[in-house]
Amino acid sequence: MWQQVYNPLHSDVLSTIAAAVPVVTLLVLIATGAVKTHIAALIALAAAILVAVLLFTMPWGLALRAAFLGALIGFFPIGWIVLNVIFMYRLTVATGAFAILQRAIGGVSADRRLQLLLIAFSFGAFFEGASGFGTPVAVTAAILIGLGFSPLAASGLSLIANTAPVAYGALGTPIAGLASVTGLDPYLLGAMVGRQLPFFSLIVPAWLIWAFAGWRGMVQVWPAILVTGVSFAVPQYLISNFINPWIVDIGAALVSMGCLILFLKVWHPAEIWNSPALRHHDTSAATMPPPPAVTGAAPTQTEVWWSLIPWIIVCAVLLLWGTGWFKAVVNPIFTINWPIE
């Protein structure tokens, strides 16, 4: 049996650099735009195999089988999760349910800063928990642009917001991946992450508004920032430590959205922030057409609840799927064990 060599070059620095070659190759190719993303991934895969075989003495057959296993994991569960969530999202768009949800969320407040907290941070965290892998940035940016935000503000701020929930994204896929390579209990790993990440969950909402509106604009809405951060951080800790690591983002996001919406029924900032652009050097709003005028009556509570039903079903299924007894029942039936030693 092949034993992994961690320091083939007899230098921690050189061996670390060698191990980083595939990742650096991928990032450089994507950042420079030299090739398409899927071509960059294939080039990085080839680099990883060559480094593993030529420097880390991994057998060719084992390297190829490991690469094939990685491809399968890319399709199942990662690709499968993203595909189904995007399908459901497009289905709700086609039926008009998502437009109702967008109007309901965007209509909570006319203040751009509060819309960012609700949509980019809280609603984006829900999508991160359900699918991850860039989906929340695409969805929330589209919603923000539809509400009149500049393209630069919508995309950049959605990226900033999508930091606190990433560790539990895509139904806890990062935790599951870490557990698979370390052999540690995913519940233990999820709990440890949940004891560190809430501190950042308190910071990100403030950082998000500061990046958009500056210090003065941030201070004006500090009560809403505090409600958003605390109502996300506390459930994040509780769910990760006492339930499971698979539904952390979804549960925390729902609590955060609910708390912020309820808070905004009794509190509003003294000054409504209407600017759709970033506070510095954002010219993308100048050439942007105005958002389409809202016509017709506001959606009723019944319509809003109907638009929420697909996502409520997702939450219910994930809550069931994340329980230990359910996994104990279905894993022996559907899990395929394929040794690559």
Protein backbone atom coordinates (compact mmCIF):
# COMPACT_ATOMS: atom_id res chain seq x y z
CA MET A 1 0.00 0.00 0.00
CA TRP A 2 1.30 3.44 -0.93
CA GLN A 3 2.09 5.69 2.02
CA GLN A 4 1.59 9.39 1.44
CA VAL A 5 4.77 11.47 1.56
CA TYR A 6 4.23 14.91 3.04
CA ASN A 7 7.72 16.35 2.51
CA PRO A 8 9.13 14.86 -0.70
CA LEU A 9 11.58 17.72 -1.30
CA HIS A 10 12.94 17.59 2.27
CA SER A 11 11.96 21.22 2.74
CA ASP A 12 8.69 22.37 4.26
CA VAL A 13 8.69 25.52 2.13
CA LEU A 14 9.47 23.81 -1.18
CA SER A 15 7.06 20.93 -0.54
CA THR A 16 4.30 23.41 0.33
CA ILE A 17 4.96 25.38 -2.84
CA ALA A 18 4.86 22.17 -4.88
CA ALA A 19 1.55 21.15 -3.31
CA ALA A 20 0.11 24.60 -4.06
CA VAL A 21 0.98 24.49 -7.78
CA PRO A 22 -2.41 23.08 -8.94
CA VAL A 23 -4.42 25.59 -6.87
CA VAL A 24 -2.27 28.53 -7.95
CA THR A 25 -2.53 27.38 -11.57
CA LEU A 26 -6.32 27.33 -11.37
CA LEU A 27 -6.58 30.74 -9.71
CA VAL A 28 -4.14 32.42 -12.10
CA LEU A 29 -5.89 31.02 -15.20
CA ILE A 30 -9.30 32.14 -13.93
CA ALA A 31 -8.08 35.56 -12.77
CA THR A 32 -6.31 36.36 -16.03
CA GLY A 33 -9.12 35.06 -18.21
CA ALA A 34 -6.58 33.28 -20.39
CA VAL A 35 -8.90 30.30 -20.89
CA LYS A 36 -12.46 29.37 -20.08
CA THR A 37 -13.15 28.21 -16.55
CA HIS A 38 -13.71 24.55 -17.40
CA ILE A 39 -10.47 24.47 -19.40
CA ALA A 40 -8.66 26.06 -16.46
CA ALA A 41 -10.05 23.33 -14.21
CA LEU A 42 -8.81 20.58 -16.55
CA ILE A 43 -5.35 22.17 -16.73
CA ALA A 44 -5.24 22.40 -12.93
CA LEU A 45 -6.32 18.75 -12.70
CA ALA A 46 -3.49 17.72 -15.00
CA ALA A 47 -1.06 19.76 -12.89
CA ALA A 48 -2.36 18.09 -9.72
CA ILE A 49 -1.87 14.60 -11.16
CA LEU A 50 1.65 15.40 -12.38
CA VAL A 51 2.67 16.91 -9.04
CA ALA A 52 1.19 13.94 -7.15
CA VAL A 53 2.91 11.35 -9.33
CA LEU A 54 6.26 12.99 -10.10
CA LEU A 55 6.94 14.76 -6.79
CA PHE A 56 4.83 12.98 -4.18
CA THR A 57 5.46 9.48 -5.68
CA MET A 58 1.77 8.61 -5.96
CA PRO A 59 1.17 5.64 -8.31
CA TRP A 60 -0.39 6.53 -11.66
CA GLY A 61 -3.33 4.18 -11.22
CA LEU A 62 -4.14 5.50 -7.77
CA ALA A 63 -3.86 9.11 -8.95
CA LEU A 64 -6.28 8.52 -11.83
CA ARG A 65 -8.78 6.69 -9.60
CA ALA A 66 -8.59 9.51 -7.06
CA ALA A 67 -9.20 12.06 -9.84
CA PHE A 68 -12.21 10.06 -11.03
CA LEU A 69 -13.56 9.94 -7.48
CA GLY A 70 -13.12 13.71 -7.23
CA ALA A 71 -15.09 14.15 -10.46
CA LEU A 72 -17.89 12.00 -9.08
CA ILE A 73 -18.00 14.10 -5.92
CA GLY A 74 -18.16 17.18 -8.14
CA PHE A 75 -21.30 15.80 -9.76
CA PHE A 76 -22.75 14.15 -6.65
CA PRO A 77 -23.49 15.85 -4.34
CA ILE A 78 -22.11 19.25 -5.39
CA GLY A 79 -23.43 19.47 -8.94
CA TRP A 80 -26.64 17.70 -8.00
CA ILE A 81 -27.39 20.21 -5.22
CA VAL A 82 -26.70 23.25 -7.42
CA LEU A 83 -28.64 21.83 -10.38
CA ASN A 84 -31.78 21.16 -8.37
CA VAL A 85 -31.76 24.49 -6.53
CA ILE A 86 -31.24 26.39 -9.79
CA PHE A 87 -34.04 24.34 -11.35
CA MET A 88 -36.39 25.22 -8.49
CA TYR A 89 -35.33 28.87 -8.64
CA ARG A 90 -36.01 29.03 -12.39
CA LEU A 91 -39.33 27.25 -11.84
CA THR A 92 -40.42 29.87 -9.30
CA VAL A 93 -39.31 32.62 -11.70
CA ALA A 94 -41.32 31.09 -14.56
CA THR A 95 -44.46 30.78 -12.43
CA GLY A 96 -44.16 34.32 -11.07
CA ALA A 97 -43.74 33.15 -7.48
CA PHE A 98 -40.24 34.58 -7.22
CA ALA A 99 -41.39 37.99 -8.45
CA ILE A 100 -43.95 38.04 -5.63
CA LEU A 101 -41.26 37.08 -3.14
CA GLN A 102 -38.92 39.74 -4.56
CA ARG A 103 -41.58 42.45 -4.22
CA ALA A 104 -42.42 41.34 -0.70
CA ILE A 105 -38.80 41.37 0.46
CA GLY A 106 -37.91 44.57 -1.37
CA GLY A 107 -41.04 46.27 -0.06
CA VAL A 108 -40.09 45.82 3.59
CA SER A 109 -38.12 49.08 3.47
CA ALA A 110 -37.24 51.70 0.88
CA ASP A 111 -33.84 52.25 2.52
CA ARG A 112 -31.08 50.73 0.39
CA ARG A 113 -29.01 49.79 3.43
CA LEU A 114 -31.83 47.79 4.98
CA GLN A 115 -32.52 46.11 1.65
CA LEU A 116 -28.88 45.02 1.60
CA LEU A 117 -29.12 43.52 5.08
CA LEU A 118 -32.28 41.63 4.25
CA ILE A 119 -31.49 40.49 0.71
CA ALA A 120 -27.70 40.28 0.35
CA PHE A 121 -26.94 39.03 3.86
CA SER A 122 -29.94 37.13 5.25
CA PHE A 123 -31.63 35.92 2.05
CA GLY A 124 -28.23 35.26 0.47
CA ALA A 125 -27.29 33.10 3.46
CA PHE A 126 -30.41 31.02 2.85
CA PHE A 127 -29.35 30.35 -0.74
CA GLU A 128 -25.81 29.63 0.42
CA GLY A 129 -27.13 27.00 2.78
CA ALA A 130 -29.36 25.47 0.13
CA SER A 131 -26.96 25.39 -2.81
CA GLY A 132 -23.77 27.42 -2.34
CA PHE A 133 -21.07 27.61 -5.04
CA GLY A 134 -21.90 31.12 -6.26
CA THR A 135 -25.66 30.67 -6.46
CA PRO A 136 -26.50 33.17 -3.68
CA VAL A 137 -24.33 35.87 -5.25
CA ALA A 138 -26.04 35.44 -8.62
CA VAL A 139 -29.55 35.38 -7.16
CA THR A 140 -29.19 38.26 -4.69
CA ALA A 141 -27.32 40.42 -7.20
CA ALA A 142 -30.15 39.93 -9.69
CA ILE A 143 -32.71 40.92 -7.05
CA LEU A 144 -30.74 44.01 -6.03
CA ILE A 145 -30.33 45.14 -9.64
CA GLY A 146 -34.07 44.65 -10.09
CA LEU A 147 -34.60 46.97 -7.12
CA GLY A 148 -32.41 49.65 -8.73
CA PHE A 149 -28.93 49.00 -7.30
CA SER A 150 -26.00 49.64 -9.61
CA PRO A 151 -24.43 46.49 -11.09
CA LEU A 152 -21.14 47.15 -9.29
CA ALA A 153 -22.86 47.62 -5.93
CA ALA A 154 -25.13 44.61 -6.40
CA SER A 155 -22.37 42.19 -7.38
CA GLY A 156 -19.64 43.47 -5.06
CA LEU A 157 -21.84 43.74 -1.98
CA SER A 158 -23.38 40.32 -2.60
CA LEU A 159 -19.86 38.89 -2.56
CA ILE A 160 -19.08 40.62 0.74
CA ALA A 161 -22.32 39.37 2.28
CA ASN A 162 -21.60 35.81 1.18
CA THR A 163 -18.75 35.27 3.65
CA ALA A 164 -20.28 34.47 7.04
CA PRO A 165 -22.38 31.50 5.84
CA VAL A 166 -19.86 29.82 3.50
CA ALA A 167 -18.53 27.23 5.96
CA TYR A 168 -21.95 25.57 6.08
CA GLY A 169 -22.83 26.16 2.43
CA ALA A 170 -24.54 23.67 0.13
CA LEU A 171 -26.06 21.64 2.95
CA GLY A 172 -22.81 21.58 4.90
CA THR A 173 -20.68 20.30 2.01
CA PRO A 174 -17.45 21.97 3.30
CA ILE A 175 -17.93 20.29 6.68
CA ALA A 176 -18.63 16.94 5.03
CA GLY A 177 -15.55 17.32 2.82
CA LEU A 178 -13.34 18.15 5.78
CA ALA A 179 -14.72 15.18 7.69
CA SER A 180 -14.03 12.83 4.77
CA VAL A 181 -10.34 13.76 4.50
CA THR A 182 -9.64 13.95 8.24
CA GLY A 183 -11.76 11.07 9.48
CA LEU A 184 -13.21 13.31 12.20
CA ASP A 185 -16.86 13.41 13.16
CA PRO A 186 -18.67 16.02 10.99
CA TYR A 187 -20.88 16.93 13.94
CA LEU A 188 -17.77 17.71 16.00
CA LEU A 189 -16.22 19.73 13.17
CA GLY A 190 -19.47 21.62 12.60
CA ALA A 191 -19.73 22.41 16.30
CA MET A 192 -16.16 23.74 16.46
CA VAL A 193 -16.73 25.95 13.43
CA GLY A 194 -19.95 27.13 15.03
CA ARG A 195 -18.03 28.34 18.06
CA GLN A 196 -15.76 30.56 15.96
CA LEU A 197 -17.83 31.78 13.03
CA PRO A 198 -20.55 33.70 14.94
CA PHE A 199 -18.02 36.42 15.77
CA PHE A 200 -17.56 37.05 12.04
CA SER A 201 -21.32 36.87 11.52
CA LEU A 202 -21.60 39.87 13.83
CA ILE A 203 -19.00 41.82 11.86
CA VAL A 204 -20.07 41.14 8.26
CA PRO A 205 -23.39 43.09 8.34
CA ALA A 206 -21.56 46.19 9.58
CA TRP A 207 -18.80 45.71 7.01
CA LEU A 208 -21.43 45.32 4.28
CA ILE A 209 -23.15 48.61 5.08
CA TRP A 210 -19.84 50.44 5.63
CA ALA A 211 -18.66 49.36 2.17
CA PHE A 212 -21.88 50.68 0.66
CA ALA A 213 -22.69 53.83 2.63
CA GLY A 214 -19.59 54.70 4.65
CA TRP A 215 -19.19 55.20 8.38
CA ARG A 216 -21.97 57.78 8.75
CA GLY A 217 -24.43 55.71 6.77
CA MET A 218 -23.54 52.63 8.81
CA VAL A 219 -24.00 54.35 12.17
CA GLN A 220 -27.46 55.57 11.16
CA VAL A 221 -28.74 51.98 10.89
CA TRP A 222 -26.69 50.35 13.65
CA PRO A 223 -29.80 48.96 15.43
CA ALA A 224 -30.80 47.04 12.28
CA ILE A 225 -27.20 45.87 11.79
CA LEU A 226 -27.13 44.60 15.38
CA VAL A 227 -30.45 42.77 15.00
CA THR A 228 -29.30 41.18 11.74
CA GLY A 229 -25.95 40.03 13.09
CA VAL A 230 -27.15 38.75 16.46
CA SER A 231 -30.20 36.98 15.03
CA PHE A 232 -27.90 35.18 12.58
CA ALA A 233 -24.94 34.48 14.88
CA VAL A 234 -26.92 33.02 17.79
CA PRO A 235 -28.87 30.43 15.71
CA GLN A 236 -25.65 29.67 13.84
CA TYR A 237 -24.04 28.67 17.13
CA LEU A 238 -27.07 26.82 18.51
CA ILE A 239 -27.87 24.81 15.37
CA SER A 240 -24.25 23.83 14.71
CA ASN A 241 -23.68 22.70 18.29
CA PHE A 242 -27.00 21.13 19.22
CA ILE A 243 -28.69 19.98 15.99
CA ASN A 244 -26.46 19.28 12.96
CA PRO A 245 -24.09 21.08 10.56
CA TRP A 246 -26.27 20.57 7.48
CA ILE A 247 -29.03 23.13 8.09
CA VAL A 248 -27.06 25.82 9.94
CA ASP A 249 -27.24 28.47 7.21
CA ILE A 250 -30.85 27.80 6.34
CA GLY A 251 -32.03 27.96 9.94
CA ALA A 252 -29.94 31.00 10.85
CA ALA A 253 -30.99 32.84 7.68
CA LEU A 254 -34.69 32.26 8.32
CA VAL A 255 -34.37 33.50 11.90
CA SER A 256 -32.37 36.53 10.75
CA MET A 257 -34.88 37.47 8.05
CA GLY A 258 -37.80 37.05 10.44
CA CYS A 259 -36.20 39.12 13.19
CA LEU A 260 -35.17 41.92 10.83
CA ILE A 261 -38.61 42.11 9.21
CA LEU A 262 -40.31 42.25 12.61
CA PHE A 263 -37.83 44.87 13.83
CA LEU A 264 -38.46 47.08 10.80
CA LYS A 265 -42.16 47.16 11.64
CA VAL A 266 -41.34 49.23 14.72
CA TRP A 267 -38.12 51.03 13.73
CA HIS A 268 -36.94 53.02 10.71
CA PRO A 269 -33.85 55.19 10.21
CA ALA A 270 -34.28 58.94 10.50
CA GLU A 271 -32.90 59.39 6.98
CA ILE A 272 -33.84 57.10 4.08
CA TRP A 273 -30.81 56.20 1.95
CA ASN A 274 -31.85 56.24 -1.71
CA SER A 275 -28.51 56.17 -3.54
CA PRO A 276 -28.15 52.95 -5.60
CA ALA A 277 -24.38 53.27 -6.10
CA LEU A 278 -21.30 52.55 -4.03
CA ARG A 279 -19.96 55.56 -2.15
CA HIS A 280 -16.71 55.79 -4.15
CA HIS A 281 -16.04 55.73 -7.90
CA ASP A 282 -19.14 53.82 -8.98
CA THR A 283 -20.10 54.91 -12.48
CA SER A 284 -22.00 51.73 -13.31
CA ALA A 285 -25.27 53.32 -12.19
CA ALA A 286 -24.96 56.18 -14.71
CA THR A 287 -25.65 54.01 -17.76
CA MET A 288 -28.11 51.75 -16.02
CA PRO A 289 -31.78 51.98 -17.06
CA PRO A 290 -34.21 52.77 -14.25
CA PRO A 291 -35.87 49.77 -12.61
CA PRO A 292 -39.24 48.85 -14.08
CA ALA A 293 -42.13 50.64 -12.45
CA VAL A 294 -44.10 48.54 -10.00
CA THR A 295 -47.65 48.14 -11.24
CA GLY A 296 -50.66 46.50 -9.70
CA ALA A 297 -51.55 45.93 -6.10
CA ALA A 298 -49.00 44.76 -3.59
CA PRO A 299 -48.95 40.98 -3.11
CA THR A 300 -51.34 39.71 -0.48
CA GLN A 301 -50.21 37.61 2.46
CA THR A 302 -51.73 34.55 0.80
CA GLU A 303 -49.70 35.15 -2.37
CA VAL A 304 -46.53 35.65 -0.35
CA TRP A 305 -47.09 32.41 1.56
CA TRP A 306 -47.73 30.52 -1.68
CA SER A 307 -44.46 31.89 -3.09
CA LEU A 308 -42.70 30.65 0.04
CA ILE A 309 -44.08 27.11 -0.11
CA PRO A 310 -41.29 25.65 -2.34
CA TRP A 311 -38.64 26.95 0.05
CA ILE A 312 -40.60 25.81 3.10
CA ILE A 313 -40.71 22.32 1.60
CA VAL A 314 -36.94 22.47 1.06
CA CYS A 315 -36.43 23.42 4.71
CA ALA A 316 -38.67 20.58 5.91
CA VAL A 317 -36.89 18.01 3.73
CA LEU A 318 -33.46 19.22 4.84
CA LEU A 319 -34.50 19.13 8.49
CA LEU A 320 -35.54 15.49 8.05
CA TRP A 321 -32.49 14.63 5.94
CA GLY A 322 -30.10 16.07 8.50
CA THR A 323 -31.26 13.86 11.35
CA GLY A 324 -29.02 11.00 12.42
CA TRP A 325 -31.74 8.35 12.37
CA PHE A 326 -32.71 9.19 8.77
CA LYS A 327 -29.09 8.92 7.63
CA ALA A 328 -28.78 5.60 9.46
CA VAL A 329 -31.73 4.28 7.46
CA VAL A 330 -30.85 5.50 3.96
CA ASN A 331 -27.02 5.43 3.97
CA PRO A 332 -26.75 1.61 3.92
CA ILE A 333 -29.09 1.56 0.93
CA PHE A 334 -27.73 4.38 -1.24
CA THR A 335 -24.11 4.96 -0.14
CA ILE A 336 -21.48 3.40 -2.43
CA ASN A 337 -18.12 2.65 -0.84
CA TRP A 338 -15.32 2.58 -3.40
CA PRO A 339 -11.83 2.03 -1.95
CA ILE A 340 -9.02 3.67 -3.91
CA GLU A 341 -6.03 2.31 -1.96
